[in-house]
Amino acid sequence: MKGLLFLFSLFSGIFLFAQVGINTDSPRPGSALDVNGSMKSANVLLPSDLPPITAAERESFVYLVQNQSTGAIEHLDLSASGTGGISSIMTYQLSNVNGDWVLDFDTKISSTDYALVILSAWFDQDLTGSNPAPPVARTKAIDGTWHLEADYSAVSSDTNGAWNITCAVYPKNYAKIFPLQTVNMNGNTTATAATAIISY
């Protein structure tokens, strides 16, 4: 009898730790249950049925993301210190620059792992010159990191000033990266894309 109980326990353990697939003959490794297909629900919650969240709850919201390498669902806690977010916003104040010119500022942010976008840029000193021109502020990927450049092309500053450059940084694994889109303008000043890259 003990032998039968042992065998029953052994086969029960094997069954409990086996991989199960629904609508798939080959469940993914590491998944105890792999479901391939759609889902149907008898009840759908409307926005009016959902309770409102407090400001504190909104600040500690936990996002679920899918690891593109393993397919696993992971949580992204934006309230945890030292962790990244879906995006980060930062302002660089580059003071005592050469007049109004920043040729190269290395942010040390990886251009392989992150996308960096300038949201705004302004200079804190008066400018001299006869042709007013908008500021030029841009990002460049050099040797694996993002670099900033800023300047007024047609005017200058008599004194060294400060640039305030606000940037948004996005982890590339949370964004869809499209290949380079090459367009021949045929010497014209206007053109139209053949198709929309993104269509919702």
N, C-alpha and C. Protein backbone atom coordinates (compact mmCIF):
# COMPACT_ATOMS: atom_id res chain seq x y z
N MET A 1 0.83 -1.20 0.00
CA MET A 1 0.00 0.00 0.00
C MET A 1 0.86 1.25 0.00
N LYS A 2 1.97 1.21 0.78
CA LYS A 2 2.86 2.37 0.81
C LYS A 2 3.47 2.63 -0.56
N GLY A 3 3.76 1.51 -1.28
CA GLY A 3 4.32 1.65 -2.62
C GLY A 3 3.34 2.32 -3.56
N LEU A 4 2.06 1.97 -3.44
CA LEU A 4 1.03 2.60 -4.29
C LEU A 4 0.88 4.07 -3.96
N LEU A 5 0.90 4.40 -2.68
CA LEU A 5 0.81 5.81 -2.28
C LEU A 5 2.00 6.60 -2.80
N PHE A 6 3.20 5.99 -2.74
CA PHE A 6 4.40 6.67 -3.23
C PHE A 6 4.29 6.94 -4.74
N LEU A 7 3.85 5.90 -5.49
CA LEU A 7 3.70 6.08 -6.93
C LEU A 7 2.64 7.12 -7.25
N PHE A 8 1.53 7.10 -6.51
CA PHE A 8 0.49 8.09 -6.73
C PHE A 8 1.01 9.51 -6.46
N SER A 9 1.77 9.68 -5.38
CA SER A 9 2.35 10.99 -5.04
C SER A 9 3.34 11.43 -6.11
N LEU A 10 4.13 10.49 -6.59
CA LEU A 10 5.13 10.80 -7.61
C LEU A 10 4.46 11.27 -8.90
N PHE A 11 3.46 10.53 -9.37
CA PHE A 11 2.77 10.91 -10.61
C PHE A 11 1.96 12.19 -10.42
N SER A 12 1.41 12.41 -9.22
CA SER A 12 0.70 13.65 -8.95
C SER A 12 1.64 14.83 -9.03
N GLY A 13 2.86 14.68 -8.48
CA GLY A 13 3.85 15.76 -8.54
C GLY A 13 4.25 16.07 -9.96
N ILE A 14 4.44 15.02 -10.77
CA ILE A 14 4.81 15.23 -12.18
C ILE A 14 3.68 15.96 -12.90
N PHE A 15 2.44 15.57 -12.60
CA PHE A 15 1.30 16.20 -13.26
C PHE A 15 1.19 17.67 -12.86
N LEU A 16 1.41 17.98 -11.58
CA LEU A 16 1.25 19.34 -11.10
C LEU A 16 2.29 20.28 -11.70
N PHE A 17 3.50 19.76 -11.99
CA PHE A 17 4.56 20.63 -12.51
C PHE A 17 4.69 20.53 -14.03
N ALA A 18 3.78 19.85 -14.69
CA ALA A 18 3.84 19.73 -16.14
C ALA A 18 3.37 21.02 -16.78
N GLN A 19 3.82 21.25 -18.01
CA GLN A 19 3.36 22.40 -18.78
C GLN A 19 2.04 22.06 -19.44
N VAL A 20 1.10 23.00 -19.41
CA VAL A 20 -0.21 22.80 -20.00
C VAL A 20 -0.42 23.86 -21.06
N GLY A 21 -0.89 23.43 -22.21
CA GLY A 21 -1.17 24.37 -23.29
C GLY A 21 -2.62 24.30 -23.69
N ILE A 22 -3.25 25.45 -23.86
CA ILE A 22 -4.62 25.52 -24.35
C ILE A 22 -4.57 26.09 -25.77
N ASN A 23 -5.06 25.33 -26.71
CA ASN A 23 -5.06 25.69 -28.12
C ASN A 23 -3.64 25.79 -28.67
N THR A 24 -2.70 25.07 -28.05
CA THR A 24 -1.33 25.00 -28.56
C THR A 24 -0.75 23.64 -28.20
N ASP A 25 -0.04 23.03 -29.14
CA ASP A 25 0.58 21.73 -28.89
C ASP A 25 1.95 21.85 -28.25
N SER A 26 2.52 23.04 -28.26
CA SER A 26 3.86 23.21 -27.70
C SER A 26 3.88 24.44 -26.80
N PRO A 27 3.54 24.29 -25.52
CA PRO A 27 3.59 25.43 -24.58
C PRO A 27 4.99 26.01 -24.50
N ARG A 28 5.06 27.31 -24.31
CA ARG A 28 6.35 27.98 -24.19
C ARG A 28 7.09 27.51 -22.95
N PRO A 29 8.41 27.33 -23.06
CA PRO A 29 9.21 26.91 -21.89
C PRO A 29 9.07 27.91 -20.75
N GLY A 30 8.98 27.38 -19.55
CA GLY A 30 8.89 28.25 -18.37
C GLY A 30 7.48 28.67 -18.04
N SER A 31 6.50 28.28 -18.88
CA SER A 31 5.11 28.66 -18.64
C SER A 31 4.34 27.44 -18.17
N ALA A 32 3.79 27.52 -16.97
CA ALA A 32 2.98 26.41 -16.47
C ALA A 32 1.69 26.29 -17.28
N LEU A 33 1.15 27.44 -17.71
CA LEU A 33 -0.06 27.48 -18.52
C LEU A 33 0.15 28.45 -19.66
N ASP A 34 0.03 27.97 -20.89
CA ASP A 34 0.21 28.80 -22.08
C ASP A 34 -1.08 28.77 -22.88
N VAL A 35 -1.73 29.92 -22.98
CA VAL A 35 -3.01 30.01 -23.68
C VAL A 35 -2.78 30.72 -25.00
N ASN A 36 -3.16 30.08 -26.10
CA ASN A 36 -3.03 30.67 -27.43
C ASN A 36 -4.42 30.87 -27.99
N GLY A 37 -4.86 32.11 -28.11
CA GLY A 37 -6.20 32.37 -28.63
C GLY A 37 -6.77 33.64 -28.07
N SER A 38 -8.08 33.78 -28.19
CA SER A 38 -8.76 34.99 -27.73
C SER A 38 -9.53 34.70 -26.45
N MET A 39 -10.08 35.77 -25.86
CA MET A 39 -10.82 35.64 -24.62
C MET A 39 -12.18 36.29 -24.80
N LYS A 40 -13.19 35.73 -24.19
CA LYS A 40 -14.54 36.29 -24.23
C LYS A 40 -15.01 36.47 -22.80
N SER A 41 -15.59 37.62 -22.52
CA SER A 41 -16.07 37.90 -21.17
C SER A 41 -17.57 38.18 -21.22
N ALA A 42 -18.28 37.67 -20.22
CA ALA A 42 -19.71 37.90 -20.16
C ALA A 42 -20.04 39.29 -19.63
N ASN A 43 -19.14 39.85 -18.81
CA ASN A 43 -19.37 41.16 -18.21
C ASN A 43 -18.21 42.09 -18.54
N VAL A 44 -18.53 43.32 -18.91
CA VAL A 44 -17.53 44.32 -19.20
C VAL A 44 -17.77 45.50 -18.26
N LEU A 45 -16.71 45.94 -17.57
CA LEU A 45 -16.84 47.08 -16.67
C LEU A 45 -16.78 48.37 -17.47
N LEU A 46 -17.76 49.22 -17.28
CA LEU A 46 -17.77 50.52 -17.93
C LEU A 46 -17.00 51.52 -17.06
N PRO A 47 -16.49 52.61 -17.67
CA PRO A 47 -15.76 53.61 -16.86
C PRO A 47 -16.57 54.12 -15.68
N SER A 48 -17.90 54.21 -15.83
CA SER A 48 -18.73 54.70 -14.73
C SER A 48 -18.79 53.71 -13.57
N ASP A 49 -18.46 52.44 -13.84
CA ASP A 49 -18.48 51.42 -12.79
C ASP A 49 -17.18 51.35 -12.01
N LEU A 50 -16.14 52.00 -12.50
CA LEU A 50 -14.83 51.91 -11.85
C LEU A 50 -14.70 52.98 -10.78
N PRO A 51 -14.19 52.62 -9.62
CA PRO A 51 -14.02 53.63 -8.57
C PRO A 51 -12.88 54.58 -8.91
N PRO A 52 -12.99 55.86 -8.54
CA PRO A 52 -11.90 56.80 -8.80
C PRO A 52 -10.70 56.50 -7.92
N ILE A 53 -9.51 56.86 -8.40
CA ILE A 53 -8.30 56.67 -7.61
C ILE A 53 -7.89 57.99 -6.98
N THR A 54 -7.18 57.90 -5.88
CA THR A 54 -6.71 59.09 -5.20
C THR A 54 -5.41 59.58 -5.85
N ALA A 55 -4.99 60.79 -5.47
CA ALA A 55 -3.74 61.33 -6.00
C ALA A 55 -2.56 60.46 -5.58
N ALA A 56 -2.59 59.96 -4.35
CA ALA A 56 -1.50 59.10 -3.88
C ALA A 56 -1.45 57.80 -4.67
N GLU A 57 -2.62 57.23 -4.97
CA GLU A 57 -2.66 56.01 -5.75
C GLU A 57 -2.17 56.25 -7.17
N ARG A 58 -2.50 57.40 -7.73
CA ARG A 58 -2.06 57.73 -9.08
C ARG A 58 -0.54 57.84 -9.14
N GLU A 59 0.06 58.38 -8.11
CA GLU A 59 1.52 58.54 -8.09
C GLU A 59 2.24 57.20 -7.91
N SER A 60 1.55 56.22 -7.32
CA SER A 60 2.18 54.92 -7.08
C SER A 60 1.64 53.85 -8.02
N PHE A 61 1.15 54.28 -9.17
CA PHE A 61 0.56 53.34 -10.13
C PHE A 61 1.61 52.36 -10.64
N VAL A 62 1.25 51.09 -10.74
CA VAL A 62 2.17 50.06 -11.22
C VAL A 62 1.76 49.66 -12.63
N TYR A 63 2.69 49.77 -13.56
CA TYR A 63 2.45 49.40 -14.95
C TYR A 63 2.90 47.96 -15.20
N LEU A 64 2.17 47.26 -16.03
CA LEU A 64 2.57 45.92 -16.45
C LEU A 64 3.17 46.03 -17.85
N VAL A 65 4.34 45.46 -18.02
CA VAL A 65 5.02 45.47 -19.32
C VAL A 65 5.42 44.04 -19.67
N GLN A 66 5.61 43.79 -20.97
CA GLN A 66 6.03 42.47 -21.41
C GLN A 66 7.48 42.50 -21.82
N ASN A 67 8.26 41.60 -21.25
CA ASN A 67 9.66 41.46 -21.61
C ASN A 67 9.74 40.88 -23.03
N GLN A 68 10.30 41.65 -23.97
CA GLN A 68 10.32 41.23 -25.36
C GLN A 68 11.25 40.05 -25.61
N SER A 69 12.18 39.80 -24.71
CA SER A 69 13.11 38.67 -24.88
C SER A 69 12.49 37.36 -24.42
N THR A 70 11.80 37.39 -23.26
CA THR A 70 11.27 36.16 -22.69
C THR A 70 9.76 36.03 -22.82
N GLY A 71 9.06 37.13 -23.11
CA GLY A 71 7.61 37.10 -23.17
C GLY A 71 6.94 37.20 -21.82
N ALA A 72 7.74 37.27 -20.74
CA ALA A 72 7.19 37.32 -19.38
C ALA A 72 6.57 38.69 -19.11
N ILE A 73 5.50 38.70 -18.30
CA ILE A 73 4.88 39.95 -17.86
C ILE A 73 5.59 40.41 -16.59
N GLU A 74 6.04 41.65 -16.59
CA GLU A 74 6.75 42.21 -15.44
C GLU A 74 6.08 43.52 -15.04
N HIS A 75 6.28 43.93 -13.81
CA HIS A 75 5.70 45.20 -13.38
C HIS A 75 6.77 46.29 -13.30
N LEU A 76 6.35 47.49 -13.64
CA LEU A 76 7.22 48.66 -13.62
C LEU A 76 6.67 49.61 -12.58
N ASP A 77 7.34 49.71 -11.46
CA ASP A 77 6.88 50.54 -10.35
C ASP A 77 7.56 51.90 -10.44
N LEU A 78 6.81 52.91 -10.90
CA LEU A 78 7.39 54.23 -11.10
C LEU A 78 7.68 54.94 -9.78
N SER A 79 7.06 54.47 -8.69
CA SER A 79 7.28 55.12 -7.40
C SER A 79 8.53 54.63 -6.69
N ALA A 80 9.09 53.52 -7.13
CA ALA A 80 10.27 52.97 -6.47
C ALA A 80 11.49 53.81 -6.81
N SER A 81 12.30 54.12 -5.80
CA SER A 81 13.49 54.94 -6.01
C SER A 81 14.54 54.16 -6.79
N GLY A 82 15.24 54.86 -7.68
CA GLY A 82 16.31 54.24 -8.44
C GLY A 82 15.86 53.45 -9.64
N THR A 83 14.55 53.45 -9.93
CA THR A 83 14.07 52.72 -11.09
C THR A 83 13.70 53.69 -12.19
N GLY A 84 13.78 53.22 -13.44
CA GLY A 84 13.40 54.03 -14.57
C GLY A 84 11.90 54.03 -14.76
N GLY A 85 11.43 54.91 -15.60
CA GLY A 85 10.02 54.97 -15.90
C GLY A 85 9.78 54.73 -17.37
N ILE A 86 8.53 54.84 -17.77
CA ILE A 86 8.23 54.74 -19.19
C ILE A 86 8.92 55.89 -19.92
N SER A 87 9.00 57.03 -19.27
CA SER A 87 9.81 58.13 -19.79
C SER A 87 10.31 58.95 -18.61
N SER A 88 11.39 59.68 -18.84
CA SER A 88 11.96 60.56 -17.82
C SER A 88 12.13 61.93 -18.44
N ILE A 89 11.88 62.97 -17.66
CA ILE A 89 12.05 64.35 -18.13
C ILE A 89 13.09 65.01 -17.25
N MET A 90 14.08 65.62 -17.88
CA MET A 90 15.14 66.29 -17.14
C MET A 90 15.53 67.58 -17.84
N THR A 91 16.04 68.53 -17.07
CA THR A 91 16.50 69.80 -17.63
C THR A 91 17.98 69.95 -17.32
N TYR A 92 18.77 70.18 -18.37
CA TYR A 92 20.20 70.48 -18.21
C TYR A 92 20.36 72.00 -18.23
N GLN A 93 20.99 72.56 -17.20
CA GLN A 93 21.34 73.97 -17.21
C GLN A 93 22.84 74.06 -17.43
N LEU A 94 23.22 74.44 -18.64
CA LEU A 94 24.63 74.54 -19.01
C LEU A 94 25.05 76.00 -18.86
N SER A 95 25.73 76.31 -17.75
CA SER A 95 26.07 77.69 -17.43
C SER A 95 27.49 78.03 -17.88
N ASN A 96 27.74 79.34 -18.01
CA ASN A 96 29.05 79.88 -18.38
C ASN A 96 29.57 79.24 -19.67
N VAL A 97 28.69 79.17 -20.67
CA VAL A 97 29.10 78.63 -21.97
C VAL A 97 29.86 79.70 -22.74
N ASN A 98 30.47 79.36 -23.82
CA ASN A 98 31.23 80.30 -24.65
C ASN A 98 30.26 81.20 -25.40
N GLY A 99 29.95 82.36 -24.83
CA GLY A 99 28.94 83.24 -25.41
C GLY A 99 27.59 82.55 -25.35
N ASP A 100 27.08 82.18 -26.54
CA ASP A 100 25.82 81.44 -26.60
C ASP A 100 26.02 80.07 -27.26
N TRP A 101 27.24 79.59 -27.29
CA TRP A 101 27.57 78.41 -28.09
C TRP A 101 27.91 77.21 -27.24
N VAL A 102 27.18 76.12 -27.43
CA VAL A 102 27.51 74.81 -26.87
C VAL A 102 27.77 73.90 -28.05
N LEU A 103 29.03 73.60 -28.29
CA LEU A 103 29.38 72.74 -29.42
C LEU A 103 29.07 71.28 -29.12
N ASP A 104 29.35 70.84 -27.88
CA ASP A 104 29.15 69.43 -27.57
C ASP A 104 29.06 69.23 -26.06
N PHE A 105 27.93 68.70 -25.61
CA PHE A 105 27.78 68.30 -24.20
C PHE A 105 27.36 66.83 -24.20
N ASP A 106 28.20 65.97 -23.62
CA ASP A 106 27.95 64.54 -23.57
C ASP A 106 27.09 64.24 -22.34
N THR A 107 25.85 63.79 -22.56
CA THR A 107 24.96 63.48 -21.44
C THR A 107 25.30 62.15 -20.77
N LYS A 108 26.10 61.32 -21.43
CA LYS A 108 26.44 59.97 -20.97
C LYS A 108 25.23 59.03 -20.96
N ILE A 109 24.11 59.44 -21.56
CA ILE A 109 22.94 58.58 -21.67
C ILE A 109 23.11 57.69 -22.90
N SER A 110 22.93 56.40 -22.73
CA SER A 110 23.17 55.45 -23.81
C SER A 110 22.21 55.69 -24.97
N SER A 111 22.77 55.88 -26.17
CA SER A 111 21.93 56.04 -27.36
C SER A 111 21.49 54.68 -27.90
N THR A 112 22.06 53.61 -27.37
CA THR A 112 21.64 52.26 -27.75
C THR A 112 20.37 51.86 -27.02
N ASP A 113 20.28 52.22 -25.74
CA ASP A 113 19.16 51.79 -24.91
C ASP A 113 18.04 52.83 -24.80
N TYR A 114 18.36 54.11 -25.09
CA TYR A 114 17.39 55.18 -24.86
C TYR A 114 17.25 56.08 -26.08
N ALA A 115 16.06 56.67 -26.23
CA ALA A 115 15.83 57.74 -27.20
C ALA A 115 15.75 59.05 -26.42
N LEU A 116 16.40 60.09 -26.90
CA LEU A 116 16.42 61.39 -26.21
C LEU A 116 15.84 62.44 -27.14
N VAL A 117 14.85 63.19 -26.65
CA VAL A 117 14.17 64.22 -27.45
C VAL A 117 14.23 65.53 -26.69
N ILE A 118 14.61 66.62 -27.37
CA ILE A 118 14.61 67.95 -26.76
C ILE A 118 13.19 68.50 -26.80
N LEU A 119 12.66 68.88 -25.64
CA LEU A 119 11.32 69.47 -25.56
C LEU A 119 11.36 70.99 -25.68
N SER A 120 12.36 71.61 -25.07
CA SER A 120 12.49 73.07 -25.14
C SER A 120 13.93 73.46 -24.84
N ALA A 121 14.31 74.64 -25.33
CA ALA A 121 15.66 75.17 -25.07
C ALA A 121 15.59 76.69 -25.07
N TRP A 122 16.19 77.32 -24.06
CA TRP A 122 16.23 78.78 -24.02
C TRP A 122 17.54 79.25 -23.41
N PHE A 123 17.95 80.46 -23.84
CA PHE A 123 19.22 81.07 -23.42
C PHE A 123 18.91 82.28 -22.55
N ASP A 124 19.69 82.52 -21.51
CA ASP A 124 19.32 83.52 -20.51
C ASP A 124 19.96 84.90 -20.70
N GLN A 125 20.65 85.16 -21.81
CA GLN A 125 21.30 86.45 -22.02
C GLN A 125 20.73 87.16 -23.25
N ASP A 126 20.92 88.51 -23.26
CA ASP A 126 20.54 89.27 -24.45
C ASP A 126 21.50 88.95 -25.58
N LEU A 127 21.01 89.08 -26.80
CA LEU A 127 21.80 88.75 -27.98
C LEU A 127 21.99 89.98 -28.84
N THR A 128 23.12 90.04 -29.54
CA THR A 128 23.40 91.15 -30.44
C THR A 128 23.49 90.62 -31.87
N GLY A 129 23.03 91.42 -32.81
CA GLY A 129 23.06 91.03 -34.21
C GLY A 129 21.85 91.60 -34.92
N SER A 130 21.97 91.74 -36.24
CA SER A 130 20.91 92.39 -37.01
C SER A 130 19.84 91.40 -37.49
N ASN A 131 20.15 90.12 -37.51
CA ASN A 131 19.21 89.13 -38.02
C ASN A 131 18.74 88.23 -36.89
N PRO A 132 17.57 88.52 -36.32
CA PRO A 132 17.08 87.62 -35.26
C PRO A 132 16.83 86.23 -35.81
N ALA A 133 17.23 85.24 -35.07
CA ALA A 133 17.09 83.85 -35.51
C ALA A 133 16.69 82.98 -34.34
N PRO A 134 15.92 81.96 -34.60
CA PRO A 134 15.56 81.04 -33.50
C PRO A 134 16.76 80.23 -33.06
N PRO A 135 16.75 79.75 -31.84
CA PRO A 135 17.88 78.94 -31.38
C PRO A 135 17.92 77.60 -32.07
N VAL A 136 19.10 77.07 -32.19
CA VAL A 136 19.29 75.72 -32.73
C VAL A 136 19.74 74.85 -31.57
N ALA A 137 18.92 73.88 -31.21
CA ALA A 137 19.28 72.92 -30.17
C ALA A 137 18.97 71.53 -30.72
N ARG A 138 19.95 70.66 -30.68
CA ARG A 138 19.74 69.34 -31.25
C ARG A 138 20.52 68.28 -30.48
N THR A 139 20.11 67.03 -30.73
CA THR A 139 20.79 65.88 -30.13
C THR A 139 21.56 65.14 -31.21
N LYS A 140 22.65 64.53 -30.79
CA LYS A 140 23.47 63.73 -31.71
C LYS A 140 23.91 62.48 -30.96
N ALA A 141 23.86 61.34 -31.63
CA ALA A 141 24.37 60.10 -31.05
C ALA A 141 25.81 59.93 -31.50
N ILE A 142 26.74 60.00 -30.54
CA ILE A 142 28.17 59.87 -30.84
C ILE A 142 28.78 58.83 -29.90
N ASP A 143 29.41 57.83 -30.49
CA ASP A 143 30.11 56.78 -29.72
C ASP A 143 29.23 56.16 -28.64
N GLY A 144 27.95 55.96 -28.95
CA GLY A 144 27.07 55.24 -28.04
C GLY A 144 26.38 56.06 -26.98
N THR A 145 26.57 57.41 -26.96
CA THR A 145 25.86 58.24 -25.99
C THR A 145 25.24 59.44 -26.70
N TRP A 146 24.24 60.05 -26.03
CA TRP A 146 23.58 61.22 -26.58
C TRP A 146 24.35 62.49 -26.21
N HIS A 147 24.54 63.36 -27.20
CA HIS A 147 25.23 64.65 -27.02
C HIS A 147 24.26 65.77 -27.37
N LEU A 148 24.41 66.91 -26.69
CA LEU A 148 23.59 68.09 -26.96
C LEU A 148 24.44 69.17 -27.62
N GLU A 149 23.81 69.92 -28.50
CA GLU A 149 24.43 71.08 -29.16
C GLU A 149 23.41 72.21 -29.14
N ALA A 150 23.87 73.43 -28.87
CA ALA A 150 22.96 74.58 -28.85
C ALA A 150 23.70 75.83 -29.31
N ASP A 151 22.98 76.69 -30.06
CA ASP A 151 23.61 77.90 -30.59
C ASP A 151 22.55 78.78 -31.24
N TYR A 152 22.82 80.09 -31.29
CA TYR A 152 22.10 81.01 -32.15
C TYR A 152 22.98 81.22 -33.37
N SER A 153 22.50 80.85 -34.54
CA SER A 153 23.37 80.84 -35.72
C SER A 153 23.69 82.22 -36.26
N ALA A 154 22.76 83.17 -36.18
CA ALA A 154 22.97 84.48 -36.82
C ALA A 154 23.23 85.61 -35.84
N VAL A 155 23.12 85.34 -34.54
CA VAL A 155 23.34 86.37 -33.53
C VAL A 155 24.29 85.80 -32.47
N SER A 156 24.73 86.67 -31.56
CA SER A 156 25.68 86.23 -30.54
C SER A 156 25.41 86.94 -29.23
N SER A 157 26.11 86.52 -28.21
CA SER A 157 26.00 87.12 -26.88
C SER A 157 27.35 87.70 -26.50
N ASP A 158 27.33 88.92 -25.92
CA ASP A 158 28.57 89.56 -25.49
C ASP A 158 29.12 88.94 -24.21
N THR A 159 28.27 88.26 -23.46
CA THR A 159 28.70 87.64 -22.21
C THR A 159 28.35 86.15 -22.24
N ASN A 160 29.11 85.41 -21.46
CA ASN A 160 28.81 83.98 -21.35
C ASN A 160 27.49 83.79 -20.60
N GLY A 161 26.64 82.96 -21.14
CA GLY A 161 25.33 82.74 -20.54
C GLY A 161 25.07 81.29 -20.22
N ALA A 162 23.80 80.99 -20.02
CA ALA A 162 23.39 79.63 -19.66
C ALA A 162 22.26 79.18 -20.58
N TRP A 163 22.38 77.95 -21.03
CA TRP A 163 21.31 77.29 -21.78
C TRP A 163 20.54 76.40 -20.82
N ASN A 164 19.22 76.42 -20.94
CA ASN A 164 18.35 75.52 -20.20
C ASN A 164 17.67 74.61 -21.22
N ILE A 165 18.05 73.36 -21.24
CA ILE A 165 17.57 72.43 -22.26
C ILE A 165 16.81 71.30 -21.55
N THR A 166 15.51 71.23 -21.83
CA THR A 166 14.66 70.21 -21.23
C THR A 166 14.50 69.06 -22.22
N CYS A 167 14.75 67.86 -21.73
CA CYS A 167 14.74 66.66 -22.59
C CYS A 167 13.81 65.60 -22.02
N ALA A 168 13.26 64.79 -22.92
CA ALA A 168 12.52 63.59 -22.53
C ALA A 168 13.34 62.39 -22.98
N VAL A 169 13.45 61.40 -22.10
CA VAL A 169 14.24 60.20 -22.38
C VAL A 169 13.31 59.00 -22.30
N TYR A 170 13.32 58.17 -23.35
CA TYR A 170 12.45 57.00 -23.44
C TYR A 170 13.29 55.74 -23.56
N PRO A 171 13.08 54.75 -22.71
CA PRO A 171 13.76 53.46 -22.93
C PRO A 171 13.29 52.85 -24.26
N LYS A 172 14.20 52.41 -25.08
CA LYS A 172 13.84 51.90 -26.40
C LYS A 172 13.06 50.59 -26.34
N ASN A 173 13.18 49.85 -25.23
CA ASN A 173 12.42 48.60 -25.15
C ASN A 173 10.95 48.85 -24.86
N TYR A 174 10.55 50.12 -24.57
CA TYR A 174 9.14 50.46 -24.40
C TYR A 174 8.61 51.21 -25.61
N ALA A 175 9.40 51.31 -26.66
CA ALA A 175 8.98 52.04 -27.86
C ALA A 175 9.19 51.18 -29.09
N LYS A 176 8.36 51.37 -30.09
CA LYS A 176 8.53 50.67 -31.36
C LYS A 176 9.49 51.49 -32.20
N ILE A 177 10.61 50.90 -32.60
CA ILE A 177 11.65 51.59 -33.35
C ILE A 177 11.52 51.21 -34.82
N PHE A 178 11.29 52.21 -35.66
CA PHE A 178 11.18 51.99 -37.09
C PHE A 178 12.54 52.21 -37.76
N PRO A 179 12.77 51.57 -38.88
CA PRO A 179 14.02 51.81 -39.61
C PRO A 179 14.05 53.21 -40.19
N LEU A 180 15.21 53.65 -40.65
CA LEU A 180 15.38 54.96 -41.25
C LEU A 180 14.44 55.13 -42.44
N GLN A 181 13.70 56.23 -42.46
CA GLN A 181 12.78 56.53 -43.55
C GLN A 181 13.46 57.52 -44.51
N THR A 182 13.87 57.05 -45.68
CA THR A 182 14.58 57.88 -46.66
C THR A 182 13.59 58.41 -47.69
N VAL A 183 13.57 59.74 -47.87
CA VAL A 183 12.64 60.38 -48.80
C VAL A 183 13.43 61.26 -49.75
N ASN A 184 13.24 61.08 -51.05
CA ASN A 184 13.85 61.93 -52.07
C ASN A 184 12.92 63.11 -52.32
N MET A 185 13.35 64.31 -51.98
CA MET A 185 12.53 65.51 -52.15
C MET A 185 12.54 66.02 -53.59
N ASN A 186 13.39 65.45 -54.45
CA ASN A 186 13.45 65.83 -55.87
C ASN A 186 13.64 67.34 -56.06
N GLY A 187 14.40 67.96 -55.18
CA GLY A 187 14.68 69.38 -55.31
C GLY A 187 13.53 70.29 -54.91
N ASN A 188 12.44 69.74 -54.36
CA ASN A 188 11.28 70.54 -53.98
C ASN A 188 11.32 70.90 -52.50
N THR A 189 10.47 71.83 -52.11
CA THR A 189 10.39 72.23 -50.71
C THR A 189 9.28 71.51 -49.96
N THR A 190 8.41 70.81 -50.67
CA THR A 190 7.32 70.07 -50.04
C THR A 190 7.26 68.65 -50.59
N ALA A 191 6.72 67.74 -49.80
CA ALA A 191 6.56 66.35 -50.23
C ALA A 191 5.52 65.69 -49.34
N THR A 192 5.03 64.52 -49.76
CA THR A 192 4.04 63.75 -49.00
C THR A 192 4.50 62.30 -48.95
N ALA A 193 4.39 61.69 -47.77
CA ALA A 193 4.76 60.28 -47.63
C ALA A 193 3.82 59.42 -48.47
N ALA A 194 4.36 58.34 -49.01
CA ALA A 194 3.54 57.43 -49.81
C ALA A 194 2.48 56.76 -48.96
N THR A 195 2.84 56.34 -47.76
CA THR A 195 1.90 55.73 -46.81
C THR A 195 2.27 56.20 -45.41
N ALA A 196 1.31 56.14 -44.51
CA ALA A 196 1.57 56.49 -43.11
C ALA A 196 2.34 55.35 -42.44
N ILE A 197 3.39 55.71 -41.71
CA ILE A 197 4.17 54.69 -41.00
C ILE A 197 3.34 54.09 -39.88
N ILE A 198 2.59 54.95 -39.18
CA ILE A 198 1.74 54.51 -38.08
C ILE A 198 0.31 54.87 -38.42
N SER A 199 -0.60 53.93 -38.27
CA SER A 199 -2.00 54.17 -38.53
C SER A 199 -2.81 53.50 -37.45
N TYR A 200 -3.58 54.29 -36.68
CA TYR A 200 -4.40 53.74 -35.60
C TYR A 200 -5.84 53.62 -36.04
